[in-house]
């Protein structure tokens, strides 16, 4: 059995932490992207988002309504003592999966800073 895709070298189980905050890997915020955008026109929503950290790279993916989940994401960042960088799907997948943190950071839609 291989390494869990969301377990870092220091054995932090990111999947477990996100589950505890009800942000499940691969989640969908609605059955229709256009329908969700229509019903939440002022929200910052990233479908098929990737969340990365400097220390561990990609730690989560799925749909995220940053406006709705901001406080939850802040709590996760605080728990991890790491900033969370939210990227669009194509910025941390496919040919960009190995781009590295410097490139990913420059493409972040939003950065959730942890409180020090």
Protein backbone atom coordinates (compact mmCIF):
# COMPACT_ATOMS: atom_id res chain seq x y z
CA UNK A 1 0.00 0.00 0.00
CA UNK A 2 1.38 3.42 -1.01
CA UNK A 3 1.52 6.67 0.88
CA UNK A 4 -1.85 8.37 1.34
CA UNK A 5 -2.02 11.19 -1.20
CA UNK A 6 -2.76 13.75 1.49
CA UNK A 7 -0.31 12.66 4.15
CA UNK A 8 2.81 14.76 4.32
CA UNK A 9 6.33 13.61 5.10
CA UNK A 10 5.76 14.52 8.74
CA UNK A 11 2.67 12.24 8.71
CA UNK A 12 0.15 15.06 9.01
CA UNK A 13 -3.12 13.53 7.80
CA UNK A 14 -4.58 16.44 5.86
CA UNK A 15 -7.57 14.43 4.68
CA UNK A 16 -8.57 13.76 8.30
CA UNK A 17 -8.21 17.43 9.26
CA UNK A 18 -10.37 18.60 6.35
CA UNK A 19 -12.97 15.87 7.10
CA UNK A 20 -13.18 17.02 10.72
CA UNK A 21 -14.11 20.45 9.36
CA UNK A 22 -16.68 18.93 6.95
CA UNK A 23 -14.61 19.78 3.84
CA UNK A 24 -14.41 16.37 2.18
CA UNK A 25 -11.89 15.67 -0.57
CA UNK A 26 -13.57 15.77 -3.97
CA UNK A 27 -16.65 17.57 -2.65
CA UNK A 28 -19.15 19.34 -4.86
CA UNK A 29 -20.92 22.48 -3.65
CA UNK A 30 -23.84 21.97 -6.00
CA UNK A 31 -25.15 19.75 -8.76
CA UNK A 32 -24.75 22.48 -11.36
CA UNK A 33 -21.83 24.91 -11.53
CA UNK A 34 -23.84 27.51 -13.45
CA UNK A 35 -26.79 27.05 -11.09
CA UNK A 36 -24.57 27.52 -8.04
CA UNK A 37 -22.96 30.65 -9.52
CA UNK A 38 -26.44 31.99 -10.36
CA UNK A 39 -27.70 31.46 -6.81
CA UNK A 40 -24.47 32.80 -5.21
CA UNK A 41 -23.41 35.61 -7.60
CA UNK A 42 -21.36 37.55 -5.05
CA UNK A 43 -19.43 34.57 -3.66
CA UNK A 44 -15.86 33.64 -4.52
CA UNK A 45 -16.26 30.05 -5.70
CA UNK A 46 -13.58 27.80 -7.19
CA UNK A 47 -14.81 24.58 -8.76
CA UNK A 48 -12.32 21.71 -8.82
CA UNK A 49 -10.00 23.78 -6.65
CA UNK A 50 -6.66 22.64 -5.30
CA UNK A 51 -5.42 23.71 -1.88
CA UNK A 52 -1.67 23.71 -1.39
CA UNK A 53 0.79 24.62 1.34
CA UNK A 54 4.44 25.54 1.06
CA UNK A 55 5.48 22.58 3.22
CA UNK A 56 3.44 19.80 1.65
CA UNK A 57 2.19 20.85 -1.77
CA UNK A 58 -1.33 19.76 -2.68
CA UNK A 59 -3.32 18.76 0.39
CA UNK A 60 -6.94 18.96 -0.81
CA UNK A 61 -9.09 19.22 -3.93
CA UNK A 62 -12.76 19.77 -4.64
CA UNK A 63 -15.27 22.59 -4.99
CA UNK A 64 -14.89 25.41 -2.49
CA UNK A 65 -17.06 28.43 -1.86
CA UNK A 66 -14.41 30.57 -0.21
CA UNK A 67 -17.00 33.12 0.92
CA UNK A 68 -19.02 30.48 2.80
CA UNK A 69 -16.04 28.44 4.04
CA UNK A 70 -13.63 31.28 4.87
CA UNK A 71 -13.77 30.85 8.67
CA UNK A 72 -13.44 27.06 8.34
CA UNK A 73 -10.42 27.48 6.07
CA UNK A 74 -8.96 29.97 8.56
CA UNK A 75 -9.41 27.41 11.36
CA UNK A 76 -7.67 24.75 9.26
CA UNK A 77 -4.79 27.13 8.45
CA UNK A 78 -4.46 27.93 12.15
CA UNK A 79 -4.52 24.25 13.09
CA UNK A 80 -1.82 23.46 10.53
CA UNK A 81 0.13 26.65 11.28
CA UNK A 82 0.43 27.05 7.52
CA UNK A 83 -1.03 29.38 4.92
CA UNK A 84 -3.47 27.76 2.50
CA UNK A 85 -3.18 28.68 -1.18
CA UNK A 86 -6.33 28.06 -3.22
CA UNK A 87 -5.75 27.41 -6.91
CA UNK A 88 -7.94 26.69 -9.89
CA UNK A 89 -8.00 23.13 -11.18
CA UNK A 90 -5.61 23.58 -14.07
CA UNK A 91 -3.01 25.44 -11.99
CA UNK A 92 -2.05 22.40 -9.90
CA UNK A 93 -3.11 19.46 -12.08
CA UNK A 94 -2.21 17.86 -15.36
CA UNK A 95 1.00 19.34 -16.80
CA UNK A 96 1.21 21.82 -13.88
CA UNK A 97 1.15 19.20 -11.13
CA UNK A 98 4.91 19.38 -10.67
CA UNK A 99 5.33 23.13 -11.22
CA UNK A 100 6.37 23.70 -7.63
CA UNK A 101 5.39 26.08 -4.91
CA UNK A 102 6.80 29.28 -6.40
CA UNK A 103 4.64 28.93 -9.54
CA UNK A 104 1.58 27.73 -7.60
CA UNK A 105 1.84 30.63 -5.17
CA UNK A 106 1.78 33.11 -8.05
CA UNK A 107 -1.45 31.56 -9.37
CA UNK A 108 -3.40 31.49 -6.09
CA UNK A 109 -6.97 32.75 -6.33
CA UNK A 110 -6.94 33.33 -2.58
CA UNK A 111 -4.49 32.87 0.28
CA UNK A 112 -5.83 31.97 3.70
CA UNK A 113 -3.25 33.15 6.21
CA UNK A 114 -2.84 31.37 9.51
CA UNK A 115 -2.82 33.41 12.68
CA UNK A 116 0.56 33.36 14.34
